N, C-alpha and C. Protein backbone atom coordinates (compact mmCIF):
# COMPACT_ATOMS: atom_id res chain seq x y z
N ASN A 1 146.27 164.04 186.27
CA ASN A 1 145.14 163.00 185.20
C ASN A 1 144.29 164.50 184.43
N GLN A 2 144.62 165.33 184.49
CA GLN A 2 144.31 166.35 183.96
C GLN A 2 143.17 166.02 182.49
N HIS A 3 142.30 166.09 181.59
CA HIS A 3 142.33 165.69 180.79
C HIS A 3 142.42 166.90 179.93
N TRP A 4 143.40 166.88 178.25
CA TRP A 4 143.25 168.39 177.88
C TRP A 4 142.18 168.49 176.87
N THR A 5 141.65 170.33 176.66
CA THR A 5 141.13 170.43 175.62
C THR A 5 141.56 171.78 175.21
N PRO A 6 141.15 171.19 173.79
CA PRO A 6 141.68 171.39 172.48
C PRO A 6 141.45 173.25 172.72
N PRO A 7 142.32 173.86 172.61
CA PRO A 7 142.00 175.67 172.47
C PRO A 7 140.01 176.03 171.90
N SER A 8 139.30 176.90 172.31
CA SER A 8 138.46 177.42 170.88
C SER A 8 138.71 176.91 169.83
N TYR A 9 139.54 177.57 169.26
CA TYR A 9 140.55 178.69 167.84
C TYR A 9 139.72 177.28 166.86
N HIS A 10 140.95 176.00 167.38
CA HIS A 10 139.84 174.67 167.36
C HIS A 10 139.66 174.01 167.17
N ILE A 11 138.45 174.54 167.86
CA ILE A 11 137.33 173.77 167.08
C ILE A 11 136.33 174.95 166.02
N ILE A 12 135.43 174.30 165.00
CA ILE A 12 135.39 174.79 163.93
C ILE A 12 133.57 174.43 163.95
N GLN A 13 132.30 175.65 164.23
CA GLN A 13 131.35 175.27 164.20
C GLN A 13 130.50 176.12 163.48
N ILE A 14 129.80 175.15 162.59
CA ILE A 14 128.30 175.77 161.01
C ILE A 14 127.33 175.58 161.27
N GLY A 15 127.07 176.64 161.28
CA GLY A 15 125.56 175.83 161.75
C GLY A 15 125.43 175.53 162.87
N SER A 16 124.55 173.91 162.92
CA SER A 16 124.56 172.91 163.97
C SER A 16 125.82 172.20 163.96
N LYS A 17 126.65 172.05 163.30
CA LYS A 17 127.99 171.21 163.36
C LYS A 17 128.62 171.12 163.22
N THR A 18 129.43 170.89 164.00
CA THR A 18 130.77 171.23 165.04
C THR A 18 131.50 169.86 164.04
N LEU A 19 132.65 170.67 163.34
CA LEU A 19 133.79 169.89 163.30
C LEU A 19 135.08 169.82 164.16
N ARG A 20 135.03 168.08 164.05
CA ARG A 20 136.52 167.93 165.02
C ARG A 20 137.96 168.69 164.84
N ASN A 21 138.01 169.26 163.27
CA ASN A 21 139.63 170.07 163.20
C ASN A 21 139.38 170.60 162.06
N ARG A 22 139.57 171.18 161.99
CA ARG A 22 140.07 171.53 160.63
C ARG A 22 140.62 170.74 159.30
N ILE A 23 140.23 169.75 159.79
CA ILE A 23 140.16 169.15 157.91
C ILE A 23 139.62 168.85 156.78
N VAL A 24 139.54 169.77 155.93
CA VAL A 24 138.43 168.88 155.38
C VAL A 24 138.80 168.43 153.77
N LYS A 25 137.89 167.95 153.44
CA LYS A 25 138.09 166.91 152.14
C LYS A 25 137.70 167.40 151.14
N THR A 26 138.32 168.65 150.52
CA THR A 26 137.27 168.95 149.59
C THR A 26 136.53 168.40 147.67
N ALA A 27 135.83 168.61 147.37
CA ALA A 27 135.16 168.09 146.06
C ALA A 27 136.09 167.92 145.05
N ALA A 28 136.63 167.03 144.59
CA ALA A 28 136.87 166.65 143.30
C ALA A 28 136.45 165.54 142.60
N GLY A 29 136.31 164.80 141.23
CA GLY A 29 135.63 164.17 141.17
C GLY A 29 136.52 162.97 141.15
N SER A 30 135.69 161.99 141.88
CA SER A 30 136.32 160.75 141.54
C SER A 30 136.25 159.61 140.81
N ARG A 31 135.24 159.54 139.63
CA ARG A 31 135.07 159.19 138.85
C ARG A 31 134.92 157.74 138.80
N TYR A 32 134.33 156.99 140.14
CA TYR A 32 134.38 156.09 140.56
C TYR A 32 132.28 155.60 141.51
N TRP A 33 131.40 156.05 140.15
CA TRP A 33 130.30 156.01 140.22
C TRP A 33 129.93 154.95 139.32
N SER A 34 128.92 154.59 139.08
CA SER A 34 128.47 154.01 138.50
C SER A 34 128.40 154.22 136.89
N GLN A 35 128.25 154.18 135.76
CA GLN A 35 127.85 154.66 134.45
C GLN A 35 126.30 155.99 134.67
N ASP A 36 125.59 154.97 135.79
CA ASP A 36 124.33 155.27 135.56
C ASP A 36 124.39 156.18 136.61
N GLY A 37 125.36 156.70 137.23
CA GLY A 37 125.02 157.55 138.87
C GLY A 37 124.98 156.94 140.10
N TYR A 38 124.94 156.18 140.22
CA TYR A 38 124.43 155.05 141.09
C TYR A 38 126.18 154.88 142.24
N VAL A 39 125.85 155.15 143.24
CA VAL A 39 126.83 155.36 144.08
C VAL A 39 127.38 153.80 144.25
N THR A 40 129.05 153.41 144.46
CA THR A 40 129.38 152.13 143.92
C THR A 40 129.95 151.74 145.51
N GLU A 41 130.77 150.72 145.50
CA GLU A 41 131.02 149.57 146.39
C GLU A 41 132.43 150.60 146.03
N ARG A 42 133.30 150.97 145.62
CA ARG A 42 134.54 151.78 145.40
C ARG A 42 133.98 153.09 146.37
N VAL A 43 132.88 153.93 145.53
CA VAL A 43 132.70 155.68 146.34
C VAL A 43 132.53 154.84 148.11
N LYS A 44 131.89 154.00 147.83
CA LYS A 44 131.86 153.79 149.91
C LYS A 44 133.36 154.07 150.30
N ALA A 45 134.17 153.19 149.93
CA ALA A 45 134.77 153.02 150.65
C ALA A 45 136.06 154.13 150.26
N LEU A 46 136.06 154.96 149.26
CA LEU A 46 137.17 155.90 149.19
C LEU A 46 136.07 156.84 150.38
N PHE A 47 135.00 157.15 150.63
CA PHE A 47 134.83 157.74 151.75
C PHE A 47 134.24 157.65 152.73
N ASP A 48 134.98 156.78 152.83
CA ASP A 48 134.96 155.33 154.68
C ASP A 48 136.37 156.18 154.43
N GLN A 49 137.46 155.68 153.55
CA GLN A 49 138.34 156.20 154.14
C GLN A 49 138.60 157.39 154.48
N ILE A 50 138.85 158.64 153.62
CA ILE A 50 138.65 160.03 154.05
C ILE A 50 137.91 159.86 155.53
N SER A 51 137.24 159.88 155.55
CA SER A 51 136.07 159.98 157.04
C SER A 51 136.57 159.23 158.50
N SER A 52 136.71 158.13 157.76
CA SER A 52 137.76 157.33 159.75
C SER A 52 139.57 158.25 159.30
N GLY A 53 139.72 158.68 158.32
CA GLY A 53 142.13 158.68 158.34
C GLY A 53 141.10 160.14 159.19
N GLY A 54 140.57 160.67 159.40
CA GLY A 54 140.42 161.76 160.29
C GLY A 54 140.29 163.35 159.82
N ALA A 55 139.42 163.48 158.64
CA ALA A 55 138.78 164.41 158.18
C ALA A 55 137.53 164.66 158.97
N ALA A 56 136.87 165.71 159.41
CA ALA A 56 136.48 166.36 159.94
C ALA A 56 134.69 166.59 158.99
N MET A 57 135.13 166.47 157.85
CA MET A 57 134.07 167.27 156.78
C MET A 57 134.59 166.39 155.36
N VAL A 58 134.00 165.68 154.64
CA VAL A 58 134.22 165.79 154.12
C VAL A 58 132.95 166.41 152.35
N VAL A 59 133.42 166.65 151.43
CA VAL A 59 132.41 166.97 150.90
C VAL A 59 132.03 166.21 149.15
N VAL A 60 131.12 165.49 148.99
CA VAL A 60 130.98 164.31 147.79
C VAL A 60 130.71 164.90 146.89
N ASP A 61 131.89 164.36 145.77
CA ASP A 61 132.14 165.04 144.78
C ASP A 61 131.54 164.92 143.54
N THR A 62 131.07 165.63 142.45
CA THR A 62 129.97 166.12 140.83
C THR A 62 129.28 166.00 140.99
N MET A 63 128.10 166.00 141.58
CA MET A 63 127.19 165.58 142.01
C MET A 63 125.83 166.23 140.76
N SER A 64 125.11 165.16 139.65
CA SER A 64 124.60 165.70 138.47
C SER A 64 123.44 165.73 138.90
N PHE A 65 123.00 166.79 139.00
CA PHE A 65 120.94 167.50 139.47
C PHE A 65 119.84 167.30 137.92
N MET A 66 120.73 166.80 137.45
CA MET A 66 119.27 166.73 135.98
C MET A 66 120.59 165.82 134.98
N PRO A 67 119.63 164.82 135.22
CA PRO A 67 120.12 163.73 133.35
C PRO A 67 120.69 164.30 132.56
N TRP A 68 121.98 162.55 132.41
CA TRP A 68 122.64 163.18 130.85
C TRP A 68 122.45 162.12 130.33
N SER A 69 123.78 162.58 128.88
CA SER A 69 123.22 161.67 128.18
C SER A 69 124.58 160.76 127.54
N ASP A 70 125.92 161.05 127.30
CA ASP A 70 126.73 160.49 127.07
C ASP A 70 127.56 161.44 127.87
N ALA A 71 127.81 161.07 129.63
CA ALA A 71 128.54 161.52 129.99
C ALA A 71 130.38 160.92 129.99
N LYS A 72 130.94 162.00 129.78
CA LYS A 72 132.94 161.58 129.42
C LYS A 72 133.16 160.70 130.85
N PHE A 73 132.79 161.27 131.83
CA PHE A 73 133.35 160.63 133.11
C PHE A 73 131.75 160.78 134.02
N THR A 74 132.19 159.49 135.05
CA THR A 74 131.19 159.43 135.99
C THR A 74 130.81 160.34 137.24
N MET A 75 129.69 160.23 137.11
CA MET A 75 129.08 161.11 138.61
C MET A 75 127.83 160.43 139.13
N GLY A 76 127.75 161.23 140.71
CA GLY A 76 126.51 160.54 141.29
C GLY A 76 125.49 161.51 141.13
N GLY A 77 124.18 160.60 140.53
CA GLY A 77 123.01 161.35 140.37
C GLY A 77 122.54 161.25 141.17
N VAL A 78 121.56 162.78 141.19
CA VAL A 78 120.46 163.25 142.20
C VAL A 78 119.22 163.96 141.80
N PHE A 79 119.05 163.34 140.39
CA PHE A 79 117.95 163.59 139.78
C PHE A 79 116.37 163.13 139.59
N ASP A 80 116.43 161.40 140.37
CA ASP A 80 115.33 160.89 140.91
C ASP A 80 115.71 160.46 142.03
N ASP A 81 114.87 160.10 142.96
CA ASP A 81 114.93 159.28 143.70
C ASP A 81 115.45 158.63 143.76
N LYS A 82 115.64 157.77 142.82
CA LYS A 82 115.76 155.98 143.28
C LYS A 82 117.18 156.11 143.35
N TYR A 83 118.10 157.30 143.44
CA TYR A 83 119.19 157.71 143.69
C TYR A 83 119.33 158.17 145.59
N ILE A 84 118.39 157.91 145.96
CA ILE A 84 118.44 158.23 147.55
C ILE A 84 118.79 156.99 148.34
N PRO A 85 118.71 155.69 147.92
CA PRO A 85 118.99 154.72 149.28
C PRO A 85 120.75 154.83 149.09
N GLY A 86 121.05 154.73 148.05
CA GLY A 86 122.29 154.48 148.24
C GLY A 86 122.96 155.29 148.29
N LEU A 87 122.76 156.70 148.29
CA LEU A 87 123.02 157.70 149.11
C LEU A 87 123.03 157.97 150.86
N LEU A 88 121.87 157.49 151.01
CA LEU A 88 121.75 157.67 152.86
C LEU A 88 122.86 156.49 153.22
N GLU A 89 123.22 155.19 152.17
CA GLU A 89 123.96 154.67 152.45
C GLU A 89 125.37 155.00 152.70
N LEU A 90 125.63 156.00 151.98
CA LEU A 90 127.21 157.01 151.89
C LEU A 90 126.89 157.70 153.05
N THR A 91 126.17 158.58 153.28
CA THR A 91 125.80 159.78 154.82
C THR A 91 125.74 159.05 155.87
N GLU A 92 125.67 157.40 155.77
CA GLU A 92 125.85 157.21 157.17
C GLU A 92 126.79 156.12 157.12
N LEU A 93 127.83 155.94 156.57
CA LEU A 93 129.43 155.33 156.34
C LEU A 93 129.70 156.39 157.06
N ILE A 94 129.32 158.17 155.76
CA ILE A 94 130.30 158.81 157.14
C ILE A 94 130.25 159.21 158.32
N HIS A 95 129.26 159.59 158.52
CA HIS A 95 128.75 159.70 159.35
C HIS A 95 128.55 158.93 160.89
N SER A 96 129.01 157.76 160.29
CA SER A 96 129.31 156.69 161.25
C SER A 96 130.74 156.52 162.00
N ASN A 97 131.92 157.59 160.69
CA ASN A 97 133.01 157.96 161.64
C ASN A 97 133.03 159.57 161.78
N LYS A 98 131.70 159.85 162.47
CA LYS A 98 132.04 161.44 162.82
C LYS A 98 132.04 162.12 162.21
N CYS A 99 132.45 162.33 161.01
CA CYS A 99 132.07 163.80 159.97
C CYS A 99 131.07 164.22 159.20
N VAL A 100 131.31 165.19 158.96
CA VAL A 100 130.06 166.10 158.50
C VAL A 100 130.24 165.55 156.93
N ALA A 101 129.18 165.77 156.29
CA ALA A 101 128.74 165.32 154.49
C ALA A 101 128.53 166.33 154.25
N ILE A 102 128.98 167.04 153.14
CA ILE A 102 128.46 167.61 152.21
C ILE A 102 127.86 167.33 151.02
N ALA A 103 126.99 167.63 149.82
CA ALA A 103 127.06 167.32 149.14
C ALA A 103 127.34 168.75 147.79
N GLN A 104 128.15 168.51 146.50
CA GLN A 104 128.71 169.19 145.61
C GLN A 104 127.55 169.25 144.56
N LEU A 105 126.54 170.30 144.25
CA LEU A 105 125.90 169.67 143.06
C LEU A 105 126.42 170.33 141.60
N HIS A 106 126.95 169.67 140.50
CA HIS A 106 127.41 170.49 139.58
C HIS A 106 126.53 169.74 138.14
N HIS A 107 126.80 171.24 137.51
CA HIS A 107 126.74 170.61 135.76
C HIS A 107 128.10 172.10 134.67
N ALA A 108 128.07 170.89 133.95
CA ALA A 108 129.39 171.66 133.48
C ALA A 108 129.15 172.81 132.66
N GLY A 109 127.74 173.15 132.55
CA GLY A 109 126.97 173.98 131.63
C GLY A 109 128.18 174.62 130.08
N PRO A 110 128.67 175.44 130.13
CA PRO A 110 128.93 175.81 129.18
C PRO A 110 130.94 175.22 128.53
N ALA A 111 131.25 173.91 129.88
CA ALA A 111 132.41 172.93 129.30
C ALA A 111 131.79 171.55 129.30
N ASP A 112 130.76 171.85 128.95
CA ASP A 112 130.10 170.21 129.05
C ASP A 112 130.89 169.79 127.71
N PHE A 113 130.50 168.82 127.70
CA PHE A 113 131.37 167.86 126.44
C PHE A 113 130.28 167.33 125.34
N THR A 114 128.80 167.17 126.03
CA THR A 114 127.97 166.71 125.19
C THR A 114 126.52 167.93 124.53
N ASP A 115 126.46 169.46 125.41
CA ASP A 115 125.77 168.99 125.22
C ASP A 115 126.53 171.38 126.34
N PRO A 116 127.34 171.57 125.87
CA PRO A 116 127.52 172.73 126.52
C PRO A 116 126.60 173.91 125.95
N VAL A 117 125.82 174.98 127.24
CA VAL A 117 124.81 175.72 127.61
C VAL A 117 124.96 177.17 128.84
N GLY A 118 124.51 178.07 128.84
CA GLY A 118 124.82 178.81 129.56
C GLY A 118 123.61 180.00 129.00
N PRO A 119 124.13 181.17 130.11
CA PRO A 119 122.74 181.92 130.01
C PRO A 119 122.58 183.07 128.60
N SER A 120 124.33 182.18 128.25
CA SER A 120 123.79 183.16 126.42
C SER A 120 125.10 182.52 125.86
N GLU A 121 124.67 183.10 124.38
CA GLU A 121 125.52 182.59 123.71
C GLU A 121 127.49 182.60 123.79
N LEU A 122 128.41 181.84 123.62
CA LEU A 122 129.56 182.59 123.46
C LEU A 122 130.41 181.96 122.42
N THR A 123 130.68 182.97 121.99
CA THR A 123 132.52 182.57 121.03
C THR A 123 133.34 181.44 121.49
N SER A 124 134.17 181.25 119.92
CA SER A 124 135.20 179.93 120.72
C SER A 124 136.50 181.51 121.39
N GLU A 125 136.33 182.16 121.12
CA GLU A 125 137.12 183.00 121.67
C GLU A 125 136.50 183.23 123.23
N GLU A 126 135.58 183.42 123.78
CA GLU A 126 134.91 183.57 125.18
C GLU A 126 135.16 182.21 125.71
N MET A 127 134.98 180.99 125.27
CA MET A 127 134.80 179.80 125.57
C MET A 127 136.04 178.89 125.11
N PRO A 128 137.55 179.12 125.27
CA PRO A 128 138.12 178.83 124.41
C PRO A 128 138.74 177.16 124.86
N LEU A 129 137.89 176.55 124.60
CA LEU A 129 137.74 174.83 124.75
C LEU A 129 137.67 174.32 123.09
N LEU A 130 138.52 173.24 122.70
CA LEU A 130 137.73 172.51 122.13
C LEU A 130 136.42 171.52 121.35
N ASP A 131 135.72 172.39 123.01
CA ASP A 131 134.26 171.15 122.61
C ASP A 131 133.14 172.74 121.50
N PRO A 132 132.15 172.32 120.95
CA PRO A 132 131.88 173.76 120.44
C PRO A 132 131.20 174.91 121.57
N PRO A 133 130.75 175.52 120.72
CA PRO A 133 131.02 177.36 121.53
C PRO A 133 129.45 176.27 122.20
N PRO A 134 128.77 177.14 123.84
CA PRO A 134 127.78 177.17 123.78
C PRO A 134 126.84 178.12 123.59
N ARG A 135 125.84 177.00 123.60
CA ARG A 135 124.13 177.80 122.57
C ARG A 135 123.44 178.29 124.16
N ALA A 136 122.78 179.27 123.98
CA ALA A 136 122.00 180.28 124.84
C ALA A 136 120.79 179.56 125.42
N LEU A 137 120.98 179.58 126.64
CA LEU A 137 119.65 178.11 127.34
C LEU A 137 118.28 179.63 127.03
N THR A 138 117.26 178.86 127.08
CA THR A 138 116.04 179.73 126.92
C THR A 138 115.21 180.08 128.11
N ILE A 139 114.14 181.32 128.35
CA ILE A 139 113.79 180.98 129.82
C ILE A 139 113.28 180.34 130.31
N ASP A 140 112.76 178.77 129.53
CA ASP A 140 112.32 178.15 130.15
C ASP A 140 113.23 177.11 130.36
N GLU A 141 114.31 176.83 129.79
CA GLU A 141 115.05 175.59 129.91
C GLU A 141 116.23 176.31 131.53
N ILE A 142 115.95 177.38 131.66
CA ILE A 142 116.65 178.18 132.67
C ILE A 142 115.46 177.74 134.11
N GLU A 143 114.05 177.60 133.76
CA GLU A 143 113.18 177.70 134.73
C GLU A 143 113.22 175.89 134.65
N LYS A 144 113.11 175.31 134.00
CA LYS A 144 113.70 173.73 134.48
C LYS A 144 114.69 173.20 135.67
N MET A 145 115.64 174.40 134.52
CA MET A 145 117.09 174.12 135.67
C MET A 145 116.69 173.54 136.56
N LYS A 146 116.21 175.07 137.70
CA LYS A 146 115.69 175.64 139.15
C LYS A 146 115.27 174.64 139.51
N VAL A 147 113.81 173.94 138.92
CA VAL A 147 113.16 173.09 138.95
C VAL A 147 114.16 171.76 140.18
N TYR A 148 114.68 171.53 139.02
CA TYR A 148 116.47 170.10 138.96
C TYR A 148 116.76 170.70 140.20
N TYR A 149 117.58 171.93 140.29
CA TYR A 149 118.71 172.16 140.90
C TYR A 149 117.56 172.36 142.90
N PHE A 150 116.11 172.34 142.54
CA PHE A 150 115.71 172.29 144.08
C PHE A 150 115.09 171.28 144.64
N ALA A 151 114.96 170.23 143.67
CA ALA A 151 114.38 169.05 143.47
C ALA A 151 116.09 168.05 144.32
N ALA A 152 116.80 168.39 144.01
CA ALA A 152 118.13 167.54 143.94
C ALA A 152 118.78 168.11 145.42
N VAL A 153 118.10 169.55 145.49
CA VAL A 153 118.93 169.62 147.07
C VAL A 153 117.59 169.12 148.09
N GLU A 154 116.59 168.97 147.65
CA GLU A 154 115.49 168.30 148.48
C GLU A 154 115.70 167.29 149.02
N ARG A 155 116.32 165.43 147.53
CA ARG A 155 117.01 164.22 147.39
C ARG A 155 118.13 164.78 148.35
N LEU A 156 119.34 165.74 148.73
CA LEU A 156 120.38 165.87 149.46
C LEU A 156 119.98 165.48 150.57
N VAL A 157 119.10 166.33 151.22
CA VAL A 157 118.54 166.38 152.29
C VAL A 157 117.95 164.69 152.90
N LYS A 158 116.79 164.19 152.27
CA LYS A 158 116.47 163.00 152.09
C LYS A 158 117.64 162.24 152.40
N ALA A 159 119.05 162.49 151.97
CA ALA A 159 119.54 161.51 151.63
C ALA A 159 120.77 161.07 153.64
N GLY A 160 120.00 162.25 153.87
CA GLY A 160 121.00 163.07 155.12
C GLY A 160 122.13 163.39 154.73
N PHE A 161 122.40 163.91 153.94
CA PHE A 161 123.44 165.35 153.21
C PHE A 161 123.49 166.41 154.54
N ASP A 162 124.50 166.71 154.82
CA ASP A 162 124.43 167.98 156.44
C ASP A 162 124.30 169.14 155.48
N GLY A 163 124.78 169.59 153.91
CA GLY A 163 124.91 170.72 154.08
C GLY A 163 124.83 170.38 152.13
N VAL A 164 125.43 171.33 150.98
CA VAL A 164 124.88 172.06 149.97
C VAL A 164 126.19 172.38 149.44
N GLU A 165 127.25 172.15 148.58
CA GLU A 165 127.87 172.99 147.88
C GLU A 165 127.63 173.17 146.62
N ILE A 166 127.29 174.45 145.63
CA ILE A 166 126.57 174.81 144.80
C ILE A 166 128.32 174.86 143.61
N HIS A 167 128.71 174.19 142.29
CA HIS A 167 129.81 173.97 142.08
C HIS A 167 130.05 175.03 141.45
N ALA A 168 130.19 176.75 141.98
CA ALA A 168 130.07 178.04 141.02
C ALA A 168 131.76 179.22 140.29
N ALA A 169 132.57 177.53 139.95
CA ALA A 169 133.74 177.68 139.68
C ALA A 169 134.45 177.22 138.14
N HIS A 170 135.51 177.86 137.13
CA HIS A 170 135.63 176.66 136.29
C HIS A 170 135.24 177.30 135.71
N GLY A 171 134.19 177.79 135.08
CA GLY A 171 133.65 178.06 133.86
C GLY A 171 132.83 177.64 133.60
N TYR A 172 132.14 177.03 134.84
CA TYR A 172 131.14 175.69 134.37
C TYR A 172 129.60 176.37 134.80
N PHE A 173 128.75 175.81 134.67
CA PHE A 173 127.22 175.99 134.89
C PHE A 173 127.49 177.43 135.35
N MET A 174 127.04 177.40 137.10
CA MET A 174 126.25 178.73 138.09
C MET A 174 127.75 179.74 137.43
N ALA A 175 128.99 179.87 137.84
CA ALA A 175 129.66 180.60 137.12
C ALA A 175 129.98 181.14 135.96
N SER A 176 129.09 181.03 134.62
CA SER A 176 128.64 181.17 133.62
C SER A 176 127.15 182.20 134.05
N PHE A 177 126.55 182.33 134.95
CA PHE A 177 125.63 182.82 135.37
C PHE A 177 126.43 184.68 135.91
N ILE A 178 128.01 184.54 136.22
CA ILE A 178 128.06 185.85 137.68
C ILE A 178 129.28 185.74 136.18
N SER A 179 129.58 185.50 134.67
CA SER A 179 131.12 185.53 134.04
C SER A 179 130.11 187.19 133.57
N ARG A 180 131.04 187.79 133.61
CA ARG A 180 131.34 189.43 132.98
C ARG A 180 130.56 188.76 130.75
N VAL A 181 131.26 187.60 130.57
CA VAL A 181 131.09 187.12 129.51
C VAL A 181 129.34 186.47 129.49
């Protein structure tokens, strides 16, 4: 009756968190959030299924650090304390399945449907989308966005998330600050 112990390369340590295996659900917009950004039963069911199904870590998808006016699809809100109770329920559910919960902060930036913005104005050749070309943010707007980002991270910590992923790919907001254009 020897108890098998997995080799150390099967165990992944990230800071103080230990992942039980190498299965990670990466961020992808589920579009299951309420129209105004609240956690829904469908969001909870999705992440319960994934975290109880064997994933060691889940990245909760497309959470907005700023209010939006007319989203084409739904995403989680993190720009106000009113979202914390629902997010706390979600992280408690994920944790009950012995799974690490990461939140992804997202802003479409130059690819936003309603107010495409970036660190500089881009032409349609530089940002070839059907939407209007992004306008340049002012320094004051960038400073305001930083405040929203930091406040959202603090809310995510209060809501029990183990970490935060900043979406900086696909030409979205943060990627626009590191792009050559």
